[in-house]
Protein backbone atom coordinates (compact mmCIF):
# COMPACT_ATOMS: atom_id res chain seq x y z
CA MET A 1 -8.95 3.00 40.18
CA ASN A 2 -9.06 6.71 39.50
CA LEU A 3 -12.44 7.91 40.78
CA ASP A 4 -13.25 11.37 42.10
CA PHE A 5 -15.98 10.93 44.69
CA HIS A 6 -15.88 14.62 45.59
CA SER A 7 -17.22 15.47 42.14
CA ALA A 8 -20.75 16.75 42.06
CA GLN A 9 -21.24 15.71 38.44
CA ALA A 10 -22.47 12.19 39.25
CA THR A 11 -23.54 10.12 42.21
CA ARG A 12 -21.02 7.71 43.67
CA TYR A 13 -22.74 4.58 42.39
CA GLN A 14 -22.97 6.22 38.93
CA GLN A 15 -19.22 6.82 38.94
CA VAL A 16 -18.59 3.18 39.85
CA TYR A 17 -21.00 2.11 37.11
CA ASP A 18 -19.32 4.34 34.49
CA TYR A 19 -15.87 3.14 35.52
CA TYR A 20 -16.62 -0.55 35.10
CA ARG A 21 -18.72 -0.04 31.98
CA ASP A 22 -15.77 1.73 30.33
CA LEU A 23 -13.44 -1.15 31.24
CA ILE A 24 -15.87 -3.65 29.76
CA VAL A 25 -16.70 -1.72 26.58
CA THR A 26 -13.03 -1.05 25.77
CA GLY A 27 -12.13 -4.71 26.28
CA ARG A 28 -9.89 -4.17 29.31
CA LEU A 29 -12.25 -6.46 31.21
CA MET A 30 -12.73 -9.47 28.98
CA PRO A 31 -15.94 -11.56 28.81
CA GLY A 32 -15.92 -14.17 31.57
CA THR A 33 -13.77 -12.09 33.92
CA LYS A 34 -14.95 -12.28 37.53
CA MET A 35 -15.79 -8.90 39.08
CA PRO A 36 -14.44 -8.00 42.53
CA SER A 37 -16.82 -9.08 45.26
CA ILE A 38 -19.10 -6.36 46.63
CA ARG A 39 -17.29 -6.51 50.00
CA ARG A 40 -13.82 -6.28 48.42
CA CYS A 41 -14.79 -3.49 46.00
CA ALA A 42 -16.35 -1.48 48.83
CA ALA A 43 -13.17 -1.86 50.88
CA GLN A 44 -10.94 -0.81 47.96
CA LEU A 45 -12.97 2.30 47.17
CA GLY A 46 -13.88 3.23 50.72
CA LEU A 47 -17.58 3.16 49.88
CA SER A 48 -20.55 1.43 51.40
CA ARG A 49 -21.55 -2.01 50.23
CA THR A 50 -24.95 -0.56 49.28
CA THR A 51 -23.32 1.87 46.81
CA ILE A 52 -21.31 -0.91 45.15
CA GLU A 53 -24.30 -3.24 45.04
CA THR A 54 -26.41 -0.53 43.38
CA ALA A 55 -23.71 0.02 40.71
CA TYR A 56 -23.45 -3.75 40.08
CA LEU A 57 -27.22 -4.10 39.79
CA CYS A 58 -27.26 -1.31 37.17
CA LEU A 59 -24.45 -3.00 35.24
CA ALA A 60 -26.37 -6.29 35.38
CA ALA A 61 -29.58 -4.60 34.28
CA ASP A 62 -27.82 -3.19 31.22
CA GLY A 63 -26.30 -6.58 30.39
CA TYR A 64 -22.64 -5.79 31.13
CA ILE A 65 -22.31 -8.29 33.96
CA ILE A 66 -24.30 -11.28 35.18
CA SER A 67 -24.81 -12.70 38.68
CA ARG A 68 -24.06 -16.37 39.27
CA PRO A 69 -25.45 -17.81 42.50
CA GLN A 70 -22.85 -18.87 45.07
CA SER A 71 -20.11 -17.43 42.84
CA GLY A 72 -20.40 -13.68 42.18
CA TYR A 73 -20.63 -11.30 39.20
CA TYR A 74 -19.00 -11.99 35.82
CA VAL A 75 -18.49 -9.87 32.69
CA THR A 76 -20.82 -10.95 29.88
CA ASP A 77 -20.02 -11.23 26.16
CA ARG A 78 -22.58 -8.51 25.40
CA THR A 79 -20.05 -6.12 23.91
CA THR A 80 -18.38 -8.93 21.97
CA VAL A 81 -21.71 -9.79 20.38
CA PHE A 82 -22.38 -6.16 19.56
CA THR A 83 -18.89 -5.79 18.10
CA SER A 84 -19.31 -8.95 16.01
CA VAL A 85 -22.65 -7.72 14.72
CA SER A 86 -21.13 -4.35 13.83
CA LYS A 87 -18.24 -6.03 12.03
CA ALA A 88 -20.63 -8.34 10.19
CA ALA A 89 -22.75 -5.36 9.15
CA ALA A 90 -19.66 -3.52 7.96
CA ALA A 91 -18.51 -6.60 6.03
CA GLN A 92 -21.93 -6.90 4.40
CA SER A 93 -21.79 -3.21 3.51
CA ASP A 94 -18.33 -3.65 1.97
CA THR A 95 -19.52 -6.70 0.08
CA ALA A 96 -22.55 -4.83 -1.22
CA LEU A 97 -20.31 -1.98 -2.31
CA LYS A 98 -18.00 -4.36 -4.15
CA LYS A 99 -20.98 -5.98 -5.87
CA ASP A 100 -22.00 -2.55 -7.14
CA ILE A 101 -18.63 -2.07 -8.86
CA LEU A 102 -19.12 -3.49 -12.32
CA TYR A 103 -16.01 -2.15 -14.05
CA ASN A 104 -12.99 -1.02 -12.06
CA PHE A 105 -10.79 1.13 -14.28
CA THR A 106 -8.76 2.37 -11.29
CA SER A 107 -7.40 -1.00 -10.20
CA ASN A 108 -3.72 -1.93 -10.13
CA ASN A 109 -4.57 -5.63 -10.12
CA VAL A 110 -3.19 -7.59 -13.03
CA ASP A 111 -5.05 -9.18 -15.91
CA ALA A 112 -5.89 -12.86 -15.49
CA ASP A 113 -3.98 -13.64 -18.73
CA SER A 114 -0.84 -11.73 -17.70
CA PHE A 115 1.01 -14.56 -16.01
CA ASP A 116 1.92 -18.16 -16.81
CA PHE A 117 0.93 -19.89 -13.58
CA ASN A 118 2.01 -23.32 -14.84
CA LEU A 119 5.54 -22.06 -15.49
CA TRP A 120 5.82 -20.50 -12.03
CA ARG A 121 4.50 -23.69 -10.39
CA ARG A 122 7.32 -25.66 -12.04
CA TYR A 123 9.92 -23.34 -10.54
CA ILE A 124 8.31 -23.46 -7.10
CA LYS A 125 8.15 -27.29 -7.22
CA SER A 126 11.76 -27.47 -8.36
CA THR A 127 12.79 -25.27 -5.44
CA LEU A 128 10.90 -27.38 -2.90
CA ARG A 129 12.81 -30.45 -4.10
CA GLN A 130 16.06 -28.83 -2.90
CA ASP A 131 15.72 -30.38 0.55
CA GLY A 132 19.02 -29.11 1.91
CA LYS A 133 18.22 -25.47 1.20
CA MET A 134 14.71 -25.75 2.58
CA LEU A 135 16.00 -26.94 5.98
CA THR A 136 17.67 -23.62 6.82
CA TYR A 137 16.44 -20.11 7.49
CA GLY A 138 16.86 -17.55 4.74
CA GLU A 139 19.70 -15.03 4.80
CA PRO A 140 18.64 -11.78 6.53
CA GLN A 141 19.84 -9.78 3.54
CA GLY A 142 18.27 -12.13 1.01
CA GLU A 143 19.65 -15.17 -0.81
CA TYR A 144 23.05 -14.26 -2.24
CA GLU A 145 22.46 -15.97 -5.58
CA LEU A 146 19.28 -13.94 -6.10
CA ARG A 147 21.12 -10.74 -5.18
CA GLU A 148 23.72 -11.58 -7.83
CA VAL A 149 21.04 -12.00 -10.48
CA ILE A 150 19.24 -8.80 -9.42
CA CYS A 151 22.55 -6.93 -9.54
CA ARG A 152 23.07 -7.95 -13.17
CA TYR A 153 19.44 -7.12 -13.98
CA VAL A 154 19.41 -3.57 -12.59
CA THR A 155 22.85 -2.86 -14.01
CA ASN A 156 21.76 -3.84 -17.52
CA LYS A 157 18.16 -2.61 -17.45
CA ARG A 158 18.28 0.47 -15.21
CA ASN A 159 21.96 1.49 -15.43
CA ALA A 160 22.28 1.07 -11.68
CA VAL A 161 25.67 0.99 -9.98
CA CYS A 162 25.91 -1.70 -7.31
CA ARG A 163 27.31 -4.99 -6.06
CA PRO A 164 25.32 -7.90 -4.58
CA GLU A 165 26.49 -6.67 -1.16
CA ASN A 166 24.52 -3.43 -1.68
CA ILE A 167 21.22 -5.26 -2.25
CA VAL A 168 18.72 -6.05 0.49
CA ILE A 169 15.66 -8.21 -0.29
CA GLY A 170 12.34 -8.01 1.54
CA ALA A 171 8.62 -8.72 1.25
CA GLY A 172 7.52 -5.35 -0.10
CA SER A 173 8.69 -1.75 0.18
CA GLN A 174 7.28 -1.32 3.68
CA ALA A 175 9.44 -4.13 5.04
CA LEU A 176 12.51 -2.53 3.47
CA LEU A 177 11.67 0.94 4.80
CA ASN A 178 11.52 -0.55 8.30
CA ILE A 179 15.16 -1.53 7.78
CA LEU A 180 16.16 1.76 6.19
CA CYS A 181 14.60 4.23 8.64
CA PRO A 182 16.83 3.32 11.61
CA LEU A 183 19.90 3.72 9.37
CA ILE A 184 19.02 7.31 8.45
CA LYS A 185 17.16 8.41 11.60
CA LYS A 186 19.60 11.30 12.23
CA ARG A 187 18.19 13.08 9.18
CA GLN A 188 14.81 13.50 10.93
CA THR A 189 12.82 15.09 8.05
CA VAL A 190 11.42 13.56 4.86
CA CYS A 191 9.42 14.89 1.92
CA PHE A 192 7.28 12.54 -0.20
CA ARG A 193 7.05 13.68 -3.81
CA ASP A 194 4.29 11.11 -4.34
CA THR A 195 1.70 11.59 -1.60
CA ARG A 196 -0.20 8.52 -2.87
CA PHE A 197 2.00 6.27 -0.72
CA PRO A 198 0.57 6.76 2.79
CA GLN A 199 1.89 3.33 3.82
CA GLY A 200 5.43 4.66 3.42
CA MET A 201 4.69 8.00 5.06
CA VAL A 202 3.33 6.37 8.20
CA ILE A 203 6.48 4.26 8.60
CA PHE A 204 8.68 7.36 8.59
CA ALA A 205 6.31 9.04 11.05
CA ASP A 206 6.46 5.98 13.32
CA TYR A 207 10.26 6.30 13.41
CA GLY A 208 10.00 9.93 14.49
CA PHE A 209 10.55 11.64 11.14
CA ASP A 210 8.73 14.87 10.37
CA VAL A 211 6.89 14.27 7.07
CA LEU A 212 7.02 17.60 5.22
CA LYS A 213 5.27 18.91 2.13
CA GLU A 214 8.12 21.09 0.86
CA LYS A 215 11.33 19.43 -0.26
CA GLU A 216 13.43 22.52 0.54
CA SER A 217 13.09 21.87 4.29
CA ALA A 218 13.57 18.09 4.16
CA SER A 219 16.83 16.18 4.47
CA VAL A 220 15.37 13.06 2.78
CA LEU A 221 13.44 13.14 -0.51
CA TYR A 222 11.20 10.20 -1.40
CA MET A 223 10.96 10.29 -5.20
CA THR A 224 9.17 8.25 -7.88
CA PRO A 225 10.88 9.55 -11.05
CA SER A 226 9.36 6.85 -13.27
CA HIS A 227 5.85 7.60 -12.01
CA MET A 228 5.68 11.28 -11.04
CA THR A 229 1.90 11.65 -11.26
CA SER A 230 -1.23 9.52 -11.58
CA LEU A 231 -0.82 9.98 -15.34
CA GLY A 232 2.46 8.08 -15.25
CA ASP A 233 4.57 11.13 -16.14
CA VAL A 234 8.31 10.41 -16.22
CA MET A 235 11.05 12.76 -14.96
CA SER A 236 13.37 13.80 -17.78
CA VAL A 237 17.12 13.27 -17.73
CA GLU A 238 17.67 17.03 -17.41
CA ARG A 239 15.45 17.26 -14.33
CA ARG A 240 17.08 14.18 -12.82
CA LEU A 241 20.56 15.61 -13.20
CA ALA A 242 19.44 18.97 -11.76
CA LEU A 243 17.84 17.20 -8.79
CA LEU A 244 21.00 15.19 -8.10
CA LYS A 245 23.13 18.33 -8.25
CA GLU A 246 20.80 20.18 -5.89
CA CYS A 247 20.70 17.32 -3.38
CA ALA A 248 24.47 16.86 -3.44
CA ALA A 249 24.96 20.58 -2.70
CA SER A 250 22.53 20.52 0.25
CA ASP A 251 23.43 17.03 1.54
CA LYS A 252 19.96 15.56 0.95
CA LEU A 253 19.46 11.81 0.66
CA ILE A 254 17.21 10.57 -2.16
CA ILE A 255 15.07 7.46 -1.86
CA GLU A 256 14.21 6.44 -5.42
CA ASP A 257 11.12 4.24 -5.63
CA ASP A 258 11.33 2.89 -9.18
CA TYR A 259 8.11 0.86 -9.14
CA ASP A 260 6.46 0.09 -12.49
CA ASN A 261 9.54 1.38 -14.34
CA GLU A 262 9.25 -1.29 -17.03
CA PHE A 263 5.83 0.05 -18.05
CA ARG A 264 6.59 3.77 -18.10
CA TYR A 265 8.45 3.95 -21.38
CA PHE A 266 7.59 3.17 -24.99
CA SER A 267 11.16 3.95 -25.93
CA LYS A 268 14.36 3.05 -24.04
CA PRO A 269 14.01 3.68 -20.29
CA ILE A 270 15.76 6.68 -18.79
CA PRO A 271 18.64 5.74 -16.44
CA CYS A 272 17.65 5.65 -12.80
CA LEU A 273 18.72 8.37 -10.38
CA GLN A 274 20.88 5.86 -8.55
CA GLY A 275 22.90 5.14 -11.70
CA LEU A 276 23.19 8.79 -12.69
CA ALA A 277 24.53 9.51 -9.21
CA GLY A 278 27.12 6.78 -9.49
CA GLY A 279 25.48 4.86 -6.66
CA GLU A 280 26.09 7.62 -4.13
CA ASN A 281 23.56 9.42 -1.94
CA VAL A 282 20.61 7.49 -3.44
CA VAL A 283 18.73 4.52 -1.97
CA TYR A 284 17.04 2.57 -4.76
CA LEU A 285 13.79 0.61 -4.26
CA SER A 286 12.01 -1.62 -6.74
CA THR A 287 9.76 -4.67 -6.87
CA PHE A 288 8.88 -7.66 -9.03
CA SER A 289 5.23 -7.72 -7.93
CA LYS A 290 3.88 -5.87 -10.96
CA LEU A 291 5.96 -7.88 -13.41
CA LEU A 292 4.89 -11.18 -11.90
CA LEU A 293 1.96 -11.20 -9.45
CA PRO A 294 1.00 -8.84 -6.61
CA SER A 295 0.84 -11.87 -4.31
CA ILE A 296 4.55 -12.58 -4.93
CA ARG A 297 5.91 -10.06 -2.41
CA LEU A 298 9.51 -9.70 -3.53
CA SER A 299 11.10 -6.25 -3.45
CA PHE A 300 14.68 -5.10 -3.17
CA MET A 301 16.66 -2.11 -1.97
CA ILE A 302 20.10 -0.92 -3.06
CA LEU A 303 21.99 0.80 -0.25
CA PRO A 304 24.79 3.26 -1.03
CA ASP A 305 28.22 2.30 0.30
CA SER A 306 27.95 5.03 2.94
CA LEU A 307 25.09 3.16 4.68
CA LEU A 308 26.51 -0.35 4.40
CA PRO A 309 28.60 -0.27 7.62
CA LEU A 310 25.52 0.70 9.65
CA TYR A 311 23.47 -2.02 8.01
CA GLU A 312 26.18 -4.65 8.53
CA GLN A 313 26.10 -3.93 12.27
CA LYS A 314 22.37 -4.63 12.48
CA LYS A 315 21.45 -7.06 9.71
CA ALA A 316 21.85 -10.20 11.84
CA LEU A 317 19.05 -8.86 14.06
CA TYR A 318 16.55 -8.69 11.19
CA ASN A 319 14.55 -11.69 10.06
CA GLN A 320 14.09 -12.13 6.32
CA THR A 321 10.47 -11.30 5.44
CA ALA A 322 10.45 -12.74 1.91
CA SER A 323 9.84 -16.44 1.33
CA LYS A 324 13.08 -18.35 0.76
CA SER A 325 11.41 -20.72 -1.68
CA GLU A 326 10.06 -17.80 -3.75
CA GLN A 327 13.48 -16.14 -3.71
CA LEU A 328 15.15 -19.28 -5.08
CA ALA A 329 12.38 -19.81 -7.62
CA LEU A 330 12.68 -16.21 -8.84
CA CYS A 331 16.44 -16.56 -9.04
CA GLN A 332 16.19 -19.46 -11.49
CA PHE A 333 13.28 -17.79 -13.29
CA LEU A 334 15.52 -14.77 -13.94
CA ARG A 335 18.55 -16.87 -14.88
CA ASP A 336 16.53 -18.70 -17.51
CA GLY A 337 15.54 -15.41 -19.15
CA HIS A 338 11.82 -15.61 -18.41
CA LEU A 339 11.57 -12.08 -17.03
CA ASP A 340 12.36 -10.51 -20.41
CA SER A 341 9.74 -12.68 -22.09
CA GLN A 342 7.29 -11.84 -19.30
CA ILE A 343 7.85 -8.11 -19.86
CA ARG A 344 7.27 -8.52 -23.60
CA ARG A 345 4.14 -10.55 -22.88
CA LEU A 346 2.76 -7.86 -20.54
CA LYS A 347 3.49 -5.02 -22.92
CA ARG A 348 1.76 -6.82 -25.80
CA LEU A 349 -1.21 -7.60 -23.58
CA TYR A 350 -1.68 -4.13 -22.11
CA LEU A 351 -0.84 -2.23 -25.30
CA GLY A 352 -3.42 -4.37 -27.10
CA LYS A 353 -6.02 -3.69 -24.42
CA ALA A 354 -5.23 0.04 -24.46
CA LYS A 355 -5.64 0.22 -28.25
CA THR A 356 -8.95 -1.63 -28.09
CA LEU A 357 -10.24 0.70 -25.40
CA CYS A 358 -9.08 3.77 -27.35
CA THR A 359 -10.89 2.58 -30.46
CA LEU A 360 -14.13 1.96 -28.58
CA LEU A 361 -14.00 5.37 -26.89
CA GLU A 362 -13.33 7.15 -30.20
CA GLU A 363 -16.16 5.31 -31.95
CA THR A 364 -18.59 5.95 -29.10
CA PHE A 365 -17.90 9.63 -28.40
CA GLY A 366 -16.80 10.77 -31.87
CA ALA A 367 -15.44 14.23 -32.59
CA ARG A 368 -16.13 15.68 -29.17
CA ALA A 369 -13.63 13.32 -27.57
CA GLN A 370 -9.86 13.30 -27.49
CA VAL A 371 -8.49 9.86 -26.66
CA TYR A 372 -4.83 9.04 -26.11
CA THR A 373 -2.38 7.00 -24.05
CA GLY A 374 0.40 8.54 -21.98
CA GLU A 375 3.79 7.27 -20.88
CA SER A 376 2.10 4.46 -19.01
CA VAL A 377 1.00 1.47 -21.04
CA PHE A 378 -1.87 0.98 -18.60
CA LEU A 379 -3.75 4.29 -18.77
CA VAL A 380 -6.09 5.54 -21.50
CA HIS A 381 -7.09 9.22 -21.31
CA LEU A 382 -10.46 10.58 -22.35
CA LYS A 383 -10.95 14.34 -22.69
CA LEU A 384 -14.62 14.86 -23.41
CA LYS A 385 -16.37 18.10 -24.29
CA CYS A 386 -19.45 18.20 -22.08
CA ALA A 387 -21.15 20.21 -19.35
CA LEU A 388 -19.67 18.01 -16.61
CA THR A 389 -16.44 18.59 -14.74
CA SER A 390 -13.91 15.78 -14.38
CA ASP A 391 -15.02 15.13 -10.81
CA GLU A 392 -18.70 15.14 -11.73
CA LEU A 393 -18.15 12.62 -14.52
CA ARG A 394 -16.12 10.41 -12.20
CA ASP A 395 -18.81 10.54 -9.50
CA ARG A 396 -21.67 9.85 -11.92
CA ALA A 397 -19.78 6.92 -13.38
CA ALA A 398 -19.17 5.54 -9.89
CA GLU A 399 -22.91 5.66 -9.18
CA LYS A 400 -23.41 3.35 -12.17
CA GLY A 401 -20.62 1.02 -11.05
CA ILE A 402 -17.73 2.33 -13.19
CA LEU A 403 -14.61 3.51 -11.39
CA VAL A 404 -12.35 5.95 -13.30
CA PHE A 405 -9.69 8.54 -12.44
CA ALA A 406 -10.55 12.25 -12.54
CA ILE A 407 -7.58 14.18 -13.97
CA HIS A 408 -6.68 17.76 -13.13
CA ARG A 409 -3.79 19.40 -14.96
CA SER A 410 -2.70 22.87 -13.86
CA ASP A 411 -0.75 23.44 -17.07
CA GLU A 412 -3.84 23.09 -19.30
CA LYS A 413 -6.15 25.92 -20.33
CA LYS A 414 -9.57 25.91 -18.75
CA GLU A 415 -12.03 24.51 -21.25
CA SER A 416 -15.47 22.97 -21.14
CA TYR A 417 -14.42 19.35 -20.96
CA ALA A 418 -14.07 16.51 -18.51
CA HIS A 419 -10.76 14.68 -18.32
CA ILE A 420 -10.73 11.13 -16.98
CA ALA A 421 -8.31 8.21 -17.25
CA LEU A 422 -9.03 4.49 -17.34
CA SER A 423 -6.59 1.77 -16.34
CA CYS A 424 -6.99 -1.27 -18.56
CA CYS A 425 -5.30 -3.67 -16.11
CA GLU A 426 -8.10 -5.55 -14.39
CA VAL A 427 -11.18 -5.27 -16.62
CA PRO A 428 -11.27 -8.05 -19.28
CA VAL A 429 -11.17 -6.78 -22.85
CA GLU A 430 -14.47 -8.51 -23.68
CA LYS A 431 -16.23 -6.24 -21.17
CA PHE A 432 -14.88 -2.98 -22.62
CA GLY A 433 -17.83 -2.51 -24.97
CA ALA A 434 -20.49 -2.70 -22.28
CA ALA A 435 -18.44 -0.46 -19.98
CA VAL A 436 -17.95 2.25 -22.63
CA GLU A 437 -21.65 2.18 -23.53
CA MET A 438 -22.55 2.62 -19.88
CA LEU A 439 -20.09 5.52 -19.70
CA ARG A 440 -21.84 7.12 -22.69
CA GLU A 441 -25.19 6.79 -20.91
CA THR A 442 -23.64 8.44 -17.87
CA VAL A 443 -22.65 11.50 -19.91
CA LEU A 444 -26.10 11.76 -21.54
CA GLN A 445 -28.19 11.40 -18.38
């Protein structure tokens, strides 16, 4: 106990009361824990039994402890009840908030018609019938046969340069960054080009990295060249080559997060930084979650040859975080060519939804609106001449239950218009009409 009985700020019994109350409220004394007897506590603190008894009586009066005849004082579940009530109230508040959201045009969730669940179930069932493979733990680096298939995929689709030995599989980017950070810890500083990935930033901070805003001072650059901004802007080949040259000259390591790359191009995709660099000085990250389902947590990382010896020393100490059955199912899914058909299916679906939404916005807002899609097949942009700012329109729409992005572009002239963007991923196409009409009412109110 760390009590200062020479302090004039509180009486001695009050200090004892405050000390035990803090232990109980913070959970360090759990409900049901027996309190020290009055005699023992008085001996430990060098205080009179009357002082301790007064403190205990105050704790009992406030419901923190309870006296049991012939036994002593015990901590009650008062704080647990209060905490449960608070959590329940918060849950109800969150539920109420969710109920108020009628149309979420900011969601990254996928459309209900975007995936063939029956097809995936067949592959999962086929995998589970492979009894021999299911009796063993998965390889720490990921199943070799899946790494072979991924190697062919990224080589053909993203112009990557790698071997199966360079690929590490994990359940999401965060799991892979937990493997990567110890390998590059000597670099100590990192700059995130995309600050919308706080989950990644906190991992680097936890490993002792300084997370910087300016890339000039950082020795590691976390880049998303296929998704540079919320608009889905793509880094050009010229800028990619200039970045690689600059980083090579200053010995900076690039982490290329290539998420959503399949949906960032209407024409042929631009080669990834990793491929343009010949596989050197770039760590490549990507995922299948957007192509398949967010709940299928399968991501992969391509390590440059320079980091492989360090990884080889440690990989046996890492457990594989991705499901072995899902890895094997995905492997056969890719081998059978279903990923290409899935990509075509998604592009048709989301391009169709985007066109429908564009048409409805143009018909509803007429000449005062400029409607267009960007590099992303998900986002529809609405630039509307009105007295509202982009933020004001977003906030008014949210009050009515419509969530949209407010867009701010520094390279555009200041005009009297609001610029918002709507993701057509989650909202069903049959609800577009009602949502756009409600958006019109929001502007007119």
